[in-house]
Protein backbone atom coordinates (compact mmCIF):
# COMPACT_ATOMS: atom_id res chain seq x y z
CA MET A 1 90.75 -22.90 51.61
CA LEU A 2 87.26 -23.05 53.02
CA GLY A 3 87.30 -23.42 56.74
CA GLU A 4 89.71 -20.53 56.97
CA ASP A 5 87.94 -18.17 54.60
CA ASP A 6 84.44 -18.44 53.18
CA ARG A 7 84.16 -19.11 49.49
CA HIS A 8 81.22 -17.33 47.85
CA GLU A 9 79.88 -17.37 44.36
CA GLU A 10 77.06 -14.92 43.75
CA THR A 11 74.65 -15.41 40.86
CA ARG A 12 71.43 -13.70 39.87
CA GLY A 13 68.46 -14.58 37.72
CA ASP A 14 70.19 -14.41 34.35
CA ASP A 15 72.52 -16.45 32.16
CA SER A 16 75.74 -14.80 33.33
CA CYS A 17 76.37 -17.11 36.30
CA THR A 18 79.56 -19.09 36.62
CA ARG A 19 78.96 -22.79 36.07
CA GLN A 20 80.37 -24.89 38.92
CA GLN A 21 80.42 -28.61 38.19
CA PHE A 22 82.53 -31.31 39.70
CA LEU A 23 81.17 -34.09 37.48
CA ARG A 24 80.80 -34.07 33.73
CA ARG A 25 77.31 -33.95 32.29
CA VAL A 26 75.58 -37.05 31.09
CA ALA A 27 73.79 -36.73 27.73
CA LEU A 28 71.98 -40.00 27.07
CA SER A 29 68.26 -40.66 26.68
CA GLY A 30 65.90 -43.28 28.12
CA ALA A 31 62.42 -44.38 29.18
CA ALA A 32 60.29 -43.58 32.23
CA ILE A 33 59.13 -45.23 35.44
CA THR A 34 56.06 -44.56 37.57
CA ALA A 35 56.16 -41.97 40.34
CA VAL A 36 55.52 -42.96 43.95
CA PRO A 37 53.66 -40.67 46.38
CA TRP A 38 54.88 -39.49 49.78
CA LEU A 39 53.12 -42.29 51.66
CA ALA A 40 54.15 -44.91 54.14
CA ALA A 41 54.89 -48.31 52.65
CA CYS A 42 51.80 -49.81 54.25
CA GLY A 43 48.47 -48.50 55.51
CA GLY A 44 48.44 -45.54 53.11
CA SER A 45 49.23 -43.09 55.90
CA SER A 46 51.55 -40.14 55.70
CA ALA A 47 55.21 -40.98 56.13
CA ILE A 48 55.38 -38.34 58.84
CA GLY A 49 51.85 -38.18 60.14
CA SER A 50 49.95 -35.37 61.79
CA GLY A 51 51.78 -33.62 64.60
CA THR A 52 52.08 -30.48 66.64
CA THR A 53 53.75 -28.29 64.03
CA ALA A 54 51.24 -26.11 62.16
CA SER A 55 51.50 -25.42 58.46
CA THR A 56 52.39 -21.87 57.48
CA GLY A 57 51.05 -22.24 53.93
CA SER A 58 52.64 -23.02 50.57
CA ALA A 59 56.39 -22.48 50.48
CA GLU A 60 56.15 -20.38 47.33
CA SER A 61 53.75 -17.83 48.81
CA ALA A 62 56.37 -16.23 51.07
CA ILE A 63 59.23 -15.84 48.57
CA GLN A 64 60.66 -12.31 48.66
CA ARG A 65 61.28 -11.13 45.12
CA GLY A 66 64.66 -9.52 44.55
CA SER A 67 66.07 -10.89 47.79
CA THR A 68 69.32 -12.75 48.48
CA LEU A 69 69.33 -16.39 49.58
CA LYS A 70 72.42 -17.61 51.43
CA MET A 71 73.26 -21.29 51.22
CA PHE A 72 75.70 -23.34 53.27
CA ASN A 73 76.20 -26.29 50.95
CA TRP A 74 78.43 -28.86 49.36
CA GLN A 75 79.86 -27.48 46.16
CA GLY A 76 77.73 -28.54 43.21
CA TYR A 77 74.36 -28.26 44.93
CA ASP A 78 74.18 -24.67 43.68
CA ASN A 79 74.12 -26.09 40.14
CA PRO A 80 73.17 -23.28 37.72
CA ALA A 81 70.82 -25.43 35.64
CA ALA A 82 68.87 -26.45 38.73
CA LEU A 83 68.66 -22.86 40.02
CA LYS A 84 67.98 -21.04 36.76
CA GLN A 85 64.18 -21.23 36.77
CA PHE A 86 63.92 -20.21 40.44
CA LYS A 87 66.23 -17.22 40.07
CA GLN A 88 64.56 -15.97 36.90
CA ALA A 89 61.03 -16.38 38.27
CA TYR A 90 61.70 -14.48 41.50
CA ASP A 91 64.80 -12.39 40.68
CA VAL A 92 66.57 -14.02 43.62
CA THR A 93 70.32 -13.89 44.16
CA VAL A 94 71.78 -17.18 45.42
CA ARG A 95 74.99 -16.82 47.41
CA PRO A 96 76.58 -20.15 48.41
CA THR A 97 79.26 -20.82 50.98
CA TYR A 98 80.90 -24.18 50.32
CA ILE A 99 81.28 -26.70 53.12
CA ALA A 100 84.82 -27.98 53.61
CA GLY A 101 83.95 -30.85 55.96
CA ASP A 102 81.30 -32.17 58.32
CA GLN A 103 82.74 -30.75 61.50
CA GLU A 104 82.92 -27.29 59.94
CA VAL A 105 79.11 -27.36 59.80
CA PHE A 106 78.86 -27.89 63.55
CA THR A 107 81.57 -25.34 64.27
CA LYS A 108 80.36 -22.51 62.04
CA LEU A 109 76.64 -22.94 62.53
CA GLY A 110 77.13 -23.40 66.25
CA ALA A 111 79.10 -20.18 66.47
CA GLN A 112 76.57 -18.29 64.34
CA LYS A 113 73.49 -19.85 65.96
CA GLY A 114 70.42 -17.70 65.41
CA GLN A 115 72.35 -14.83 63.81
CA GLY A 116 71.00 -15.35 60.29
CA GLN A 117 74.29 -15.70 58.43
CA TRP A 118 72.79 -18.46 56.25
CA ASP A 119 69.32 -19.57 55.25
CA VAL A 120 69.54 -23.08 53.75
CA LEU A 121 71.80 -26.01 54.58
CA THR A 122 72.45 -29.14 52.53
CA TYR A 123 73.72 -31.84 54.85
CA ASN A 124 74.06 -35.55 55.56
CA SER A 125 70.93 -37.08 57.05
CA GLY A 126 73.02 -39.17 59.42
CA LEU A 127 74.11 -36.05 61.30
CA VAL A 128 71.10 -33.74 60.96
CA PRO A 129 69.44 -34.88 64.24
CA GLN A 130 72.49 -33.66 66.14
CA LEU A 131 72.22 -30.23 64.52
CA TYR A 132 68.55 -30.04 65.43
CA GLU A 133 69.20 -31.04 69.03
CA GLN A 134 71.77 -28.26 69.28
CA GLY A 135 69.19 -25.69 68.19
CA ILE A 136 70.84 -25.01 64.83
CA LEU A 137 67.90 -25.94 62.58
CA ASP A 138 64.24 -24.93 62.39
CA PRO A 139 61.61 -27.59 61.69
CA LEU A 140 59.86 -27.85 58.34
CA VAL A 141 56.20 -28.66 57.76
CA VAL A 142 55.80 -31.12 54.90
CA ASP A 143 52.43 -29.69 53.83
CA ASP A 144 54.22 -26.42 52.99
CA PHE A 145 56.20 -28.17 50.24
CA PRO A 146 54.04 -29.47 47.38
CA ASN A 147 56.97 -31.21 45.68
CA ALA A 148 57.60 -33.29 48.80
CA ALA A 149 54.49 -35.29 47.88
CA SER A 150 56.48 -37.11 45.20
CA ILE A 151 59.48 -38.15 47.31
CA PHE A 152 60.03 -41.90 47.31
CA PRO A 153 58.56 -43.45 50.50
CA GLU A 154 61.88 -45.16 51.25
CA PHE A 155 63.40 -41.72 51.75
CA ALA A 156 60.33 -40.10 53.27
CA ASN A 157 60.28 -42.70 56.04
CA LEU A 158 63.85 -42.14 57.17
CA PRO A 159 63.95 -41.67 60.95
CA GLN A 160 66.58 -38.99 60.43
CA ILE A 161 64.03 -36.57 58.99
CA LYS A 162 61.62 -37.02 61.89
CA ALA A 163 63.87 -35.62 64.60
CA GLY A 164 62.18 -33.40 67.15
CA ALA A 165 58.56 -33.26 68.31
CA PRO A 166 55.82 -35.29 66.54
CA GLY A 167 55.13 -33.80 63.13
CA GLU A 168 58.39 -31.85 63.00
CA VAL A 169 60.70 -32.56 60.12
CA VAL A 170 64.17 -31.08 60.17
CA GLY A 171 65.16 -31.84 56.60
CA LEU A 172 63.68 -33.00 53.30
CA PRO A 173 65.44 -35.76 51.30
CA PHE A 174 67.25 -34.22 48.37
CA SER A 175 70.10 -36.36 47.02
CA TRP A 176 71.47 -39.83 47.77
CA GLY A 177 73.75 -42.63 46.70
CA TYR A 178 75.02 -46.12 47.46
CA GLN A 179 78.68 -47.06 47.86
CA GLY A 180 79.08 -50.73 47.07
CA PHE A 181 81.63 -52.62 44.97
CA ILE A 182 82.58 -51.25 41.54
CA ARG A 183 84.02 -53.67 38.99
CA THR A 184 84.85 -54.09 35.33
CA THR A 185 83.65 -56.92 33.13
CA LYS A 186 86.76 -58.90 34.12
CA LEU A 187 85.37 -59.71 37.57
CA PRO A 188 82.20 -61.68 38.35
CA ARG A 189 79.33 -60.12 40.25
CA LEU A 190 80.02 -59.79 43.97
CA THR A 191 77.04 -61.41 45.66
CA ARG A 192 78.53 -61.63 49.17
CA TRP A 193 81.22 -59.48 50.74
CA SER A 194 83.14 -62.56 51.84
CA GLN A 195 84.03 -63.22 48.21
CA ILE A 196 86.26 -60.17 48.11
CA PHE A 197 88.83 -61.95 50.29
CA GLY A 198 89.36 -64.68 47.67
CA SER A 199 92.75 -65.16 46.05
CA GLN A 200 91.28 -64.37 42.62
CA TYR A 201 91.16 -60.72 43.73
CA ASN A 202 94.82 -60.51 44.77
CA GLY A 203 96.36 -57.32 43.42
CA ARG A 204 93.34 -56.57 41.24
CA ILE A 205 91.33 -54.07 43.28
CA ILE A 206 91.93 -50.67 44.87
CA GLY A 207 90.75 -48.91 47.99
CA VAL A 208 89.75 -45.26 48.39
CA ASN A 209 90.99 -42.92 51.12
CA ASP A 210 87.50 -42.48 52.56
CA PRO A 211 87.62 -43.59 56.21
CA THR A 212 83.94 -43.43 57.20
CA THR A 213 82.71 -45.27 54.11
CA SER A 214 85.56 -47.78 54.43
CA ILE A 215 84.70 -48.45 58.07
CA ALA A 216 80.98 -48.75 57.35
CA THR A 217 81.59 -51.03 54.36
CA MET A 218 83.83 -53.43 56.26
CA ALA A 219 81.48 -53.32 59.26
CA ILE A 220 78.64 -54.49 57.02
CA ALA A 221 80.91 -57.16 55.53
CA GLN A 222 81.68 -58.39 59.05
CA GLY A 223 78.00 -58.51 59.99
CA PHE A 224 77.81 -55.21 61.92
CA THR A 225 75.05 -53.43 60.01
CA ASP A 226 74.54 -50.88 62.79
CA TYR A 227 77.85 -49.20 62.07
CA ALA A 228 76.77 -46.13 64.04
CA HIS A 229 77.18 -48.15 67.23
CA LEU A 230 80.43 -50.07 66.97
CA THR A 231 82.05 -51.11 70.23
CA ARG A 232 85.81 -51.20 70.44
CA ALA A 233 85.86 -54.97 70.01
CA GLN A 234 83.69 -54.69 66.90
CA PHE A 235 85.81 -51.87 65.56
CA ASP A 236 88.89 -54.06 66.00
CA GLU A 237 87.18 -56.75 63.95
CA VAL A 238 86.50 -54.20 61.22
CA MET A 239 90.16 -53.21 61.17
CA ALA A 240 91.13 -56.88 61.07
CA GLY A 241 88.94 -57.21 57.98
CA TRP A 242 90.92 -54.51 56.21
CA GLU A 243 94.15 -56.21 57.26
CA ARG A 244 92.85 -59.42 55.71
CA LEU A 245 92.06 -57.58 52.48
CA ARG A 246 95.59 -56.23 52.04
CA PRO A 247 96.73 -58.89 49.50
CA SER A 248 93.86 -57.90 47.20
CA LEU A 249 94.68 -54.19 47.22
CA ARG A 250 96.95 -52.89 44.51
CA THR A 251 96.94 -49.40 46.00
CA ILE A 252 94.78 -46.84 47.78
CA VAL A 253 93.76 -43.75 45.83
CA PRO A 254 92.76 -40.32 47.16
CA ASP A 255 89.30 -40.10 45.58
CA TYR A 256 86.70 -41.79 43.42
CA GLY A 257 87.72 -39.90 40.29
CA VAL A 258 91.18 -41.45 40.34
CA ALA A 259 89.56 -44.82 41.02
CA LYS A 260 87.26 -44.44 38.02
CA ASP A 261 90.16 -43.45 35.78
CA LEU A 262 92.20 -46.53 36.75
CA LEU A 263 89.24 -48.81 36.06
CA VAL A 264 88.58 -47.17 32.70
CA ARG A 265 92.23 -47.57 31.72
CA GLY A 266 92.14 -51.24 32.69
CA GLU A 267 94.87 -50.96 35.29
CA VAL A 268 92.67 -52.52 37.98
CA ASP A 269 89.44 -54.51 37.93
CA GLY A 270 87.58 -53.48 41.07
CA CYS A 271 87.19 -50.77 43.74
CA VAL A 272 86.02 -50.89 47.36
CA PRO A 273 84.29 -48.79 48.44
CA GLY A 274 82.86 -47.60 45.15
CA TRP A 275 80.12 -45.16 44.15
CA GLN A 276 77.38 -45.29 41.53
CA ALA A 277 78.53 -42.04 39.91
CA MET A 278 81.65 -43.89 38.78
CA VAL A 279 79.44 -46.07 36.57
CA VAL A 280 77.77 -43.02 35.03
CA ASN A 281 81.00 -41.20 34.27
CA ALA A 282 82.77 -44.30 32.98
CA ALA A 283 79.93 -44.66 30.44
CA LYS A 284 80.79 -41.17 29.21
CA ASP A 285 84.28 -42.54 28.60
CA GLY A 286 82.87 -45.51 26.70
CA THR A 287 83.59 -48.03 29.46
CA THR A 288 81.06 -50.30 31.18
CA LEU A 289 81.41 -50.58 34.95
CA TYR A 290 79.10 -52.36 37.37
CA HIS A 291 77.99 -51.38 40.87
CA ASP A 292 77.31 -54.48 42.98
CA ILE A 293 75.19 -54.55 46.12
CA PRO A 294 76.09 -57.77 47.97
CA THR A 295 73.46 -59.63 50.00
CA GLU A 296 74.66 -58.07 53.27
CA GLY A 297 74.03 -54.56 51.91
CA VAL A 298 76.16 -51.44 51.38
CA TYR A 299 76.74 -48.03 52.91
CA GLY A 300 74.41 -45.31 51.67
CA PHE A 301 74.29 -41.54 52.14
CA MET A 302 71.38 -39.13 51.99
CA ASP A 303 71.60 -35.34 51.89
CA LEU A 304 68.77 -33.18 53.19
CA LEU A 305 67.64 -29.63 52.54
CA CYS A 306 67.33 -27.87 55.90
CA LEU A 307 66.22 -24.46 57.18
CA ILE A 308 68.83 -22.82 59.39
CA LYS A 309 67.48 -21.28 62.57
CA GLY A 310 67.55 -17.49 62.55
CA SER A 311 67.29 -17.20 58.77
CA LYS A 312 66.60 -13.62 57.72
CA ASN A 313 64.93 -14.82 54.54
CA ALA A 314 63.02 -17.89 55.74
CA GLY A 315 60.15 -17.46 53.29
CA THR A 316 62.45 -17.47 50.29
CA ALA A 317 64.39 -20.35 51.84
CA ARG A 318 61.25 -22.49 52.05
CA GLY A 319 60.37 -21.63 48.45
CA PHE A 320 63.88 -22.53 47.39
CA ILE A 321 63.70 -25.90 49.16
CA ASN A 322 60.45 -26.68 47.38
CA HIS A 323 61.98 -25.70 44.04
CA MET A 324 65.00 -27.94 44.55
CA LEU A 325 62.62 -30.85 45.08
CA SER A 326 60.81 -30.17 41.79
CA PRO A 327 61.17 -32.73 38.97
CA THR A 328 63.04 -30.32 36.67
CA ALA A 329 65.51 -29.16 39.33
CA GLN A 330 66.08 -32.72 40.51
CA ALA A 331 66.71 -33.95 36.98
CA SER A 332 69.15 -31.10 36.33
CA LEU A 333 71.01 -31.93 39.51
CA ALA A 334 71.23 -35.63 38.66
CA LYS A 335 72.55 -34.94 35.15
CA ALA A 336 75.12 -32.44 36.37
CA LEU A 337 76.41 -34.36 39.40
CA ALA A 338 75.64 -38.00 38.48
CA GLN A 339 73.94 -38.42 41.85
CA GLY A 340 70.72 -40.04 42.99
CA ILE A 341 67.57 -37.95 43.41
CA THR A 342 64.50 -38.34 45.62
CA ASN A 343 61.53 -37.08 43.58
CA ALA A 344 60.02 -40.05 41.75
CA LYS A 345 58.47 -37.76 39.12
CA ALA A 346 61.97 -36.68 38.08
CA VAL A 347 63.13 -40.20 37.22
CA PRO A 348 61.43 -40.27 33.78
CA LEU A 349 63.46 -37.15 32.89
CA LEU A 350 66.79 -38.93 33.49
CA PRO A 351 69.04 -40.56 30.90
CA ALA A 352 68.99 -44.36 30.94
CA VAL A 353 72.52 -44.56 32.32
CA LEU A 354 71.47 -42.63 35.45
CA ARG A 355 68.28 -44.64 35.95
CA ASP A 356 70.18 -47.90 35.58
CA ALA A 357 73.09 -46.89 37.82
CA TYR A 358 70.79 -45.99 40.72
CA GLU A 359 68.33 -48.83 40.06
CA TYR A 360 65.19 -46.81 40.78
CA SER A 361 63.04 -49.72 39.64
CA ARG A 362 64.59 -51.84 42.42
CA LEU A 363 64.75 -49.14 45.07
CA SER A 364 62.42 -50.90 47.53
CA GLU A 365 64.33 -54.16 47.22
CA ASN A 366 67.72 -52.53 47.62
CA PHE A 367 66.53 -50.45 50.55
CA ARG A 368 65.62 -53.58 52.51
CA SER A 369 69.27 -54.64 52.60
CA SER A 370 70.81 -51.18 52.45
CA PRO A 371 68.75 -48.54 54.26
CA ILE A 372 70.25 -45.10 54.77
CA ARG A 373 71.43 -45.34 58.36
CA PRO A 374 72.53 -42.66 60.85
CA LEU A 375 76.21 -41.92 61.38
CA PRO A 376 77.97 -42.09 64.76
CA SER A 377 77.25 -39.23 67.11
CA ASN A 378 79.83 -37.07 68.86
CA GLU A 379 78.47 -37.79 72.33
CA GLY A 380 81.25 -40.11 73.47
CA GLY A 381 80.69 -43.23 75.54
CA LYS A 382 81.49 -46.79 74.58
CA TYR A 383 80.85 -46.41 70.84
CA VAL A 384 82.78 -44.98 67.93
CA THR A 385 82.05 -41.26 67.71
CA LEU A 386 82.65 -38.36 65.39
CA PRO A 387 85.38 -35.96 66.50
CA THR A 388 84.55 -32.50 67.73
CA GLY A 389 86.12 -29.23 66.73
CA PRO A 390 87.25 -27.84 63.39
CA ARG A 391 89.63 -29.60 61.04
CA ARG A 392 92.43 -28.00 59.09
CA GLY A 393 94.23 -28.94 55.95
CA ARG A 394 91.18 -30.28 54.14
CA SER A 395 90.37 -29.49 50.54
CA SER A 396 87.70 -26.84 50.02
CA ARG A 397 86.40 -28.50 46.89
CA ARG A 398 83.31 -30.62 47.34
CA ASP A 399 84.34 -32.92 44.52
CA GLU A 400 87.28 -34.29 46.46
CA SER A 401 86.91 -37.01 49.04
CA PRO A 402 87.98 -35.89 52.53
CA HIS A 403 90.97 -37.55 54.13
CA GLY A 404 90.29 -38.74 57.66
CA ARG A 405 92.60 -37.33 60.30
CA GLY A 406 91.10 -38.88 63.44
CA SER A 407 92.45 -42.00 65.13
CA ALA A 408 90.11 -44.21 63.14
CA GLY A 409 91.22 -42.55 59.92
CA ARG A 410 94.81 -43.36 60.84
CA ALA A 411 93.76 -46.89 61.74
CA VAL A 412 92.18 -47.39 58.33
CA ARG A 413 95.25 -46.12 56.53
CA ALA A 414 97.48 -48.29 58.69
CA ALA A 415 95.31 -51.33 58.03
CA LEU A 416 95.33 -50.66 54.30
CA ARG A 417 99.02 -49.86 54.08
CA THR A 418 100.59 -52.24 51.60
CA ASP A 419 103.56 -52.41 49.30
CA PRO A 420 101.90 -50.72 46.30
CA ARG A 421 102.45 -52.35 42.95
CA PRO A 422 103.30 -49.54 40.53
CA SER A 423 101.82 -49.80 37.07
CA PRO A 424 103.44 -48.59 33.85
CA ARG A 425 101.06 -45.62 34.03
CA ARG A 426 102.20 -44.72 37.54
CA SER A 427 98.95 -45.25 39.42
CA PRO A 428 98.50 -42.96 42.44
CA MET A 429 99.96 -44.44 45.59
CA LEU A 430 98.89 -44.48 49.19
CA ALA A 431 98.86 -41.27 51.24
CA MET A 432 98.71 -38.84 48.35
CA ALA A 433 98.10 -35.28 49.41
CA PRO A 434 94.58 -33.78 49.37
CA GLY A 435 93.72 -32.03 46.15
CA GLN A 436 95.10 -34.66 43.77
CA GLY A 437 92.69 -36.66 41.70
CA GLY A 438 90.60 -37.04 38.59
CA ALA A 439 87.45 -35.53 37.17
CA CYS A 440 84.80 -37.81 38.71
CA ARG A 441 85.40 -37.12 42.37
CA ARG A 442 83.13 -38.18 45.17
CA ALA A 443 81.56 -35.45 47.25
CA GLY A 444 82.50 -35.36 50.91
CA ARG A 445 79.04 -35.68 52.51
CA GLY A 446 79.33 -37.47 55.80
CA GLN A 447 82.77 -38.82 55.01
CA GLN A 448 84.26 -37.70 58.31
CA ALA A 449 86.97 -39.75 59.99
CA LEU A 450 85.93 -41.52 63.20
CA ARG A 451 87.56 -41.57 66.59
CA TRP A 452 86.89 -43.17 69.98
CA GLY A 453 84.89 -41.14 72.46
CA GLY A 454 85.53 -41.03 76.18
CA GLY A 455 84.71 -44.18 78.07
CA ALA A 456 85.37 -46.58 75.22
CA PRO A 457 86.20 -50.01 76.66
């Protein structure tokens, strides 16, 4: 299990690499949309602006041919189709180490700070500023990355990527997704979160054992959009919301793959929280699902590509980051993982089911209600915080949703605990062990359980 021993998979620039996929490929066709430049939404200025960090030249100019690039990443982001062109062009070996959970990133990179064990990190934008402040990441200069010019401005303007001194960027937007309400055709569109408490939902929906997303979702439903700064009183209101939802919940499943399977089989009609990839993979099964974004908004995640301080192959790492932002690599990643991408020029290369699921044509509108927000820090004080220290007993597979083990994770499970209604097909019940689940499993980016820091009122 990762976290106790590193899991590597070494591939070179040929066709003999092992294909690691946690989501099935989508093979549908569709039309195109117009690309959007890396510009601020108004004034035509750069999303980042000029600053004190000097450009070191194009990222591709410093790639070391025949070298080895070491990634610390969620499983799946080393997708062979996305890496193939880069490895063949430069004869580079890519050696990934798979992340088991968020706190492992802080623990391992903190212990190896500046020692060059890894070169590139893929990580949740909500937590990247903390890594930078701890001296774990090196800044990036946007001008060094030609493909960054085509990143959607909604993602380019995220405050999370502007951590550090003016002009310093500690990560480039790479992959994203929204986690709203997933439903079948048997339920009407959810326009406001308050509707989910109605009696018409009793016993018809399921929850997912995903504490952070569950807390953020209910916080938004209760009017607390800044879920990174929940006081104890607000947190109690969030938990009360889950208590109120208990009659609607048929069961709680361990991951989003199990949830998708139950919806496809018609055993339940809705899922909260959901994930857009469920829509994509249900279409592969011949079932139409819908992802609703209520007026109050939904929780969203964004993963960044970052340069780890002390990298022994920084030039190749920068070239790799630029490649992974290219339209072809982004499209390959989206098709393989059913996730959202950030390069607008890649969208025309996507199947219609992916474009529709992530609503790229309505990205600006959706972002107004559902921006990608930071996650709680681990600094303590009066707000909900992330726990510190390593976690054990977590699955090493990126395609399985983590199970929160902090006090807030226990609080969520206690709030959701119901008398499950077994179906003839024996739907998974509450508190299933990690590692069980279906084929369309949600990656664990940022899905860390929460706890109360010192000084909480």
